[in-house]
C-alpha atoms as a PDB file:
ATOM      1  CA  MET A   1     173.780 116.268 144.163  1.00  0.00           C
ATOM      2  CA  LEU A   2     173.014 116.641 147.835  1.00  0.00           C
ATOM      3  CA  GLU A   3     175.933 115.849 150.219  1.00  0.00           C
ATOM      4  CA  ASN A   4     174.749 114.826 154.218  1.00  0.00           C
ATOM      5  CA  LEU A   5     176.234 117.544 156.608  1.00  0.00           C
ATOM      6  CA  TYR A   6     173.996 116.021 159.217  1.00  0.00           C
ATOM      7  CA  ASP A   7     170.865 114.266 160.718  1.00  0.00           C
ATOM      8  CA  VAL A   8     170.695 114.173 164.680  1.00  0.00           C
ATOM      9  CA  ILE A   9     167.422 113.464 166.426  1.00  0.00           C
ATOM     10  CA  GLU A  10     167.516 114.669 169.601  1.00  0.00           C
ATOM     11  CA  SER A  11     165.061 115.067 172.232  1.00  0.00           C
ATOM     12  CA  SER A  12     164.121 118.553 173.399  1.00  0.00           C
ATOM     13  CA  ASN A  13     162.897 120.795 176.102  1.00  0.00           C
ATOM     14  CA  VAL A  14     160.264 123.275 174.427  1.00  0.00           C
ATOM     15  CA  ASN A  15     158.636 125.954 176.022  1.00  0.00           C
ATOM     16  CA  PHE A  16     155.204 127.460 174.518  1.00  0.00           C
ATOM     17  CA  VAL A  17     154.945 131.665 175.693  1.00  0.00           C
ATOM     18  CA  GLY A  18     151.880 133.051 174.644  1.00  0.00           C
ATOM     19  CA  CYS A  19     150.831 136.770 175.728  1.00  0.00           C
ATOM     20  CA  VAL A  20     149.162 140.184 175.107  1.00  0.00           C
ATOM     21  CA  SER A  21     149.613 143.404 175.105  1.00  0.00           C
ATOM     22  CA  GLU A  22     147.699 147.090 174.090  1.00  0.00           C
ATOM     23  CA  ASP A  23     149.517 146.486 170.822  1.00  0.00           C
ATOM     24  CA  SER A  24     150.577 143.589 170.464  1.00  0.00           C
ATOM     25  CA  ARG A  25     150.288 139.682 170.845  1.00  0.00           C
ATOM     26  CA  PHE A  26     152.607 137.139 171.014  1.00  0.00           C
ATOM     27  CA  ASP A  27     152.915 133.455 170.204  1.00  0.00           C
ATOM     28  CA  PHE A  28     156.510 131.417 170.480  1.00  0.00           C
ATOM     29  CA  ALA A  29     157.646 128.302 170.739  1.00  0.00           C
ATOM     30  CA  ILE A  30     161.235 128.664 172.591  1.00  0.00           C
ATOM     31  CA  ILE A  31     163.021 124.943 171.709  1.00  0.00           C
ATOM     32  CA  TYR A  32     165.913 124.239 173.411  1.00  0.00           C
ATOM     33  CA  THR A  33     168.635 122.498 172.330  1.00  0.00           C
ATOM     34  CA  SER A  34     172.172 121.552 171.289  1.00  0.00           C
ATOM     35  CA  HIS A  35     172.552 122.854 168.456  1.00  0.00           C
ATOM     36  CA  PHE A  36     172.996 126.488 167.312  1.00  0.00           C
ATOM     37  CA  PHE A  37     176.030 127.341 169.789  1.00  0.00           C
ATOM     38  CA  GLY A  38     173.708 126.467 173.046  1.00  0.00           C
ATOM     39  CA  LYS A  39     171.498 129.438 172.072  1.00  0.00           C
ATOM     40  CA  PRO A  40     167.507 127.995 171.752  1.00  0.00           C
ATOM     41  CA  LEU A  41     165.598 128.084 168.508  1.00  0.00           C
ATOM     42  CA  VAL A  42     162.710 130.707 169.286  1.00  0.00           C
ATOM     43  CA  VAL A  43     159.772 130.261 166.546  1.00  0.00           C
ATOM     44  CA  CYS A  44     157.249 132.819 166.281  1.00  0.00           C
ATOM     45  CA  MET A  45     153.901 130.506 166.215  1.00  0.00           C
ATOM     46  CA  GLN A  46     151.785 133.114 164.266  1.00  0.00           C
ATOM     47  CA  THR A  47     154.244 133.748 161.322  1.00  0.00           C
ATOM     48  CA  GLY A  48     156.662 130.648 161.640  1.00  0.00           C
ATOM     49  CA  ARG A  49     159.809 132.931 161.489  1.00  0.00           C
ATOM     50  CA  SER A  50     162.815 131.765 163.723  1.00  0.00           C
ATOM     51  CA  ALA A  51     166.115 132.819 165.085  1.00  0.00           C
ATOM     52  CA  PRO A  52     168.805 130.893 167.691  1.00  0.00           C
ATOM     53  CA  LEU A  53     168.579 133.749 170.193  1.00  0.00           C
ATOM     54  CA  SER A  54     170.215 134.298 173.525  1.00  0.00           C
ATOM     55  CA  ALA A  55     169.942 136.597 176.025  1.00  0.00           C
ATOM     56  CA  ASP A  56     172.939 138.580 175.400  1.00  0.00           C
ATOM     57  CA  ASP A  57     171.040 138.870 171.753  1.00  0.00           C
ATOM     58  CA  LEU A  58     168.504 140.934 173.229  1.00  0.00           C
ATOM     59  CA  GLY A  59     169.995 143.723 174.388  1.00  0.00           C
ATOM     60  CA  ASP A  60     169.875 144.283 170.178  1.00  0.00           C
ATOM     61  CA  THR A  61     166.128 145.470 169.617  1.00  0.00           C
ATOM     62  CA  GLU A  62     167.557 145.264 166.157  1.00  0.00           C
ATOM     63  CA  ILE A  63     167.737 141.816 165.877  1.00  0.00           C
ATOM     64  CA  LEU A  64     164.363 141.016 167.002  1.00  0.00           C
ATOM     65  CA  ARG A  65     162.883 143.852 165.079  1.00  0.00           C
ATOM     66  CA  SER A  66     164.522 142.382 161.854  1.00  0.00           C
ATOM     67  CA  ARG A  67     164.046 138.288 162.572  1.00  0.00           C
ATOM     68  CA  PHE A  68     160.101 138.921 163.830  1.00  0.00           C
ATOM     69  CA  LEU A  69     159.391 141.646 161.535  1.00  0.00           C
ATOM     70  CA  VAL A  70     157.947 143.995 164.475  1.00  0.00           C
ATOM     71  CA  SER A  71     157.415 147.808 165.423  1.00  0.00           C
ATOM     72  CA  ASP A  72     160.151 149.202 168.087  1.00  0.00           C
ATOM     73  CA  GLU A  73     158.105 148.982 170.876  1.00  0.00           C
ATOM     74  CA  ALA A  74     156.965 145.364 170.073  1.00  0.00           C
ATOM     75  CA  ALA A  75     160.722 144.585 169.835  1.00  0.00           C
ATOM     76  CA  ILE A  76     161.060 146.042 173.566  1.00  0.00           C
ATOM     77  CA  GLU A  77     158.374 143.890 175.019  1.00  0.00           C
ATOM     78  CA  LEU A  78     159.500 141.025 173.438  1.00  0.00           C
ATOM     79  CA  GLY A  79     162.834 141.512 174.690  1.00  0.00           C
ATOM     80  CA  ASN A  80     161.353 141.490 178.392  1.00  0.00           C
ATOM     81  CA  LEU A  81     159.342 138.571 177.463  1.00  0.00           C
ATOM     82  CA  LEU A  82     162.253 136.528 176.173  1.00  0.00           C
ATOM     83  CA  ARG A  83     165.130 137.916 178.802  1.00  0.00           C
ATOM     84  CA  SER A  84     164.301 135.133 181.912  1.00  0.00           C
ATOM     85  CA  ARG A  85     163.437 132.924 179.460  1.00  0.00           C
ATOM     86  CA  LEU A  86     167.010 132.814 177.753  1.00  0.00           C
ATOM     87  CA  PRO A  87     170.313 131.482 178.772  1.00  0.00           C
ATOM     88  CA  SER A  88     172.720 134.048 178.531  1.00  0.00           C
ATOM     89  CA  LEU A  89     175.766 132.939 176.675  1.00  0.00           C
ATOM     90  CA  GLU A  90     179.413 134.019 177.974  1.00  0.00           C
ATOM     91  CA  MET A  91     181.863 134.123 175.454  1.00  0.00           C
ATOM     92  CA  HIS A  92     185.566 132.394 176.490  1.00  0.00           C
ATOM     93  CA  ASP A  93     188.695 132.799 174.251  1.00  0.00           C
ATOM     94  CA  GLN A  94     189.463 129.405 173.330  1.00  0.00           C
ATOM     95  CA  TYR A  95     193.526 129.987 173.069  1.00  0.00           C
END
């Protein structure tokens, strides 16, 4: 039996980004939502792979490599592409 955890309808802003380099092509949708602790949902339109990401996550290319299955060089290019489009989330102590 399924227990309903949430069922939310929200209007979201979506940024579609496509670009090409010598070695890679990127087609992404960035969905800005109030879910995922303020992180936009980044969706690869080619593979359907997605991850909630902030600009703070882009310093670690392993995150991009593992989530989107890209090479080291492509992860660097992807990080550069997304850096200006994702918010930086400063963490604060709650207590």
